[in-house]
Protein backbone atom coordinates (compact mmCIF):
# COMPACT_ATOMS: atom_id res chain seq x y z
CA MET A 1 -2.46 22.47 11.54
CA SER A 2 -2.15 19.50 9.41
CA ARG A 3 -2.85 19.26 6.04
CA PRO A 4 -5.07 16.56 4.07
CA VAL A 5 -3.28 13.91 2.17
CA SER A 6 -4.91 15.11 -1.13
CA SER A 7 -3.23 18.54 -0.53
CA LEU A 8 0.14 16.62 -1.93
CA ARG A 9 0.57 16.80 -5.70
CA ASN A 10 -0.95 13.77 -7.58
CA LEU A 11 -2.91 12.64 -4.51
CA GLY A 12 -6.83 13.01 -4.73
CA PRO A 13 -9.87 11.80 -2.72
CA ALA A 14 -9.42 8.13 -3.82
CA VAL A 15 -5.71 8.11 -2.08
CA GLU A 16 -6.86 10.15 0.63
CA ALA A 17 -9.61 7.56 1.74
CA ALA A 18 -7.35 4.82 1.09
CA CYS A 19 -4.85 6.25 3.40
CA ALA A 20 -7.79 6.93 6.01
CA ARG A 21 -8.38 3.28 5.90
CA ALA A 22 -4.77 2.54 6.82
CA GLY A 23 -4.88 5.16 9.70
CA ILE A 24 -2.99 7.76 7.91
CA HIS A 25 -4.90 11.14 8.08
CA SER A 26 -2.73 13.81 7.07
CA ALA A 27 -0.06 14.76 4.62
CA GLU A 28 2.38 15.04 7.33
CA ASP A 29 1.76 11.53 8.55
CA LEU A 30 2.35 10.31 5.08
CA ILE A 31 5.60 12.29 4.26
CA ALA A 32 6.96 10.92 7.93
CA LEU A 33 5.92 7.33 6.81
CA GLY A 34 7.55 7.53 3.48
CA ALA A 35 6.37 5.53 0.07
CA ASP A 36 7.19 2.26 1.28
CA GLU A 37 5.90 2.05 4.62
CA THR A 38 2.75 3.90 3.39
CA TYR A 39 2.60 1.47 0.60
CA ARG A 40 2.94 -1.43 3.12
CA ARG A 41 -0.06 -0.02 5.31
CA LEU A 42 -2.24 0.60 2.29
CA LEU A 43 -1.81 -3.06 1.17
CA ALA A 44 -2.48 -4.37 4.44
CA ASN A 45 -5.64 -2.47 4.45
CA GLY A 46 -7.29 -3.58 1.30
CA THR A 47 -5.56 -1.78 -1.40
CA LYS A 48 -4.88 -3.91 -4.50
CA PRO A 49 -1.18 -3.69 -5.52
CA HIS A 50 -0.30 -1.60 -8.48
CA PHE A 51 2.76 -0.39 -9.81
CA ILE A 52 1.16 3.09 -11.00
CA GLY A 53 -0.17 3.76 -7.37
CA TYR A 54 3.03 3.07 -5.71
CA TYR A 55 4.88 5.01 -8.60
CA VAL A 56 2.42 8.13 -8.05
CA LEU A 57 2.97 8.15 -4.22
CA VAL A 58 6.54 8.35 -4.66
CA MET A 59 6.64 11.25 -6.91
CA ALA A 60 3.98 12.81 -4.90
CA LEU A 61 6.05 12.70 -1.98
CA GLN A 62 8.92 14.38 -3.78
CA GLY A 63 6.51 17.34 -5.37
CA ARG A 64 6.96 15.76 -8.89
CA PRO A 65 4.47 15.09 -11.78
CA TRP A 66 3.20 11.42 -11.33
CA ASN A 67 4.75 10.65 -14.97
CA ASP A 68 7.83 12.56 -14.39
CA CYS A 69 10.27 9.51 -13.72
CA GLN A 70 12.18 7.44 -16.66
CA GLY A 71 14.63 4.94 -17.24
CA LYS A 72 16.77 3.43 -14.24
CA GLU A 73 15.04 5.61 -11.72
CA LYS A 74 11.59 3.93 -13.00
CA ASP A 75 13.05 0.64 -13.01
CA ASP A 76 14.37 0.92 -9.56
CA LEU A 77 10.91 1.79 -8.50
CA ARG A 78 9.70 -1.27 -10.07
CA ILE A 79 12.01 -3.10 -8.27
CA ARG A 80 11.13 -1.66 -4.79
CA PHE A 81 7.21 -2.22 -5.96
CA ASP A 82 7.97 -5.76 -6.55
CA ALA A 83 9.69 -6.44 -3.25
CA LEU A 84 6.71 -4.68 -1.28
CA LYS A 85 4.20 -6.70 -3.28
CA SER A 86 6.13 -10.04 -2.58
CA GLU A 87 6.63 -9.36 1.08
CA HIS A 88 2.64 -8.59 1.27
CA THR A 89 2.04 -11.89 -0.41
CA ALA A 90 4.18 -14.01 1.90
CA LYS A 91 2.61 -12.36 4.99
CA LYS A 92 -0.78 -13.03 3.36
CA LYS A 93 0.27 -16.51 2.83
CA LYS A 94 1.77 -17.04 6.31
CA ASP A 95 -1.38 -15.86 7.86
CA ARG A 96 -3.80 -17.84 5.86
CA PRO A 97 -3.27 -21.21 7.96
CA GLU A 98 -4.58 -19.68 10.99
CA LEU A 99 -7.39 -18.05 9.08
CA GLU A 100 -8.38 -21.37 7.70
CA ALA A 101 -7.97 -22.99 11.05
CA ILE A 102 -10.58 -20.66 12.58
CA LEU A 103 -12.90 -21.21 9.58
CA ASP A 104 -12.51 -24.94 10.06
CA GLU A 105 -13.23 -24.51 13.66
CA ILE A 106 -16.70 -22.65 13.28
CA GLY A 107 -17.76 -25.11 10.38
CA VAL A 108 -17.25 -22.64 7.54
CA ILE A 109 -14.86 -24.92 5.47
CA PRO A 110 -15.17 -28.84 5.48
CA ARG A 111 -12.64 -30.49 7.76
CA LYS A 112 -9.98 -32.70 6.02
CA LEU A 113 -10.19 -36.27 6.66
């Protein structure tokens, strides 16, 4: 029997809905993926990057209060978050020319002369 995502400490209905949009339907799925892969999938499915959202997810997977982490541990989390955010931004930029070509083809954006 699987548990809902919201059964994990700190995670409520909004995170559960975002996870569902990303194809993560249980606490067990989220635990198996880990914080970084879960956050990658959330970003890929429309979640806006936000350090606190990432931070809460990491703490939830450790069973800790969302605001328990401080100092170097928190600084290290910021580095991981920034890397995930940069990876997501780079992927969006890479995919953009293909999208622009399709929009151009169907006449949504004007052709460049």
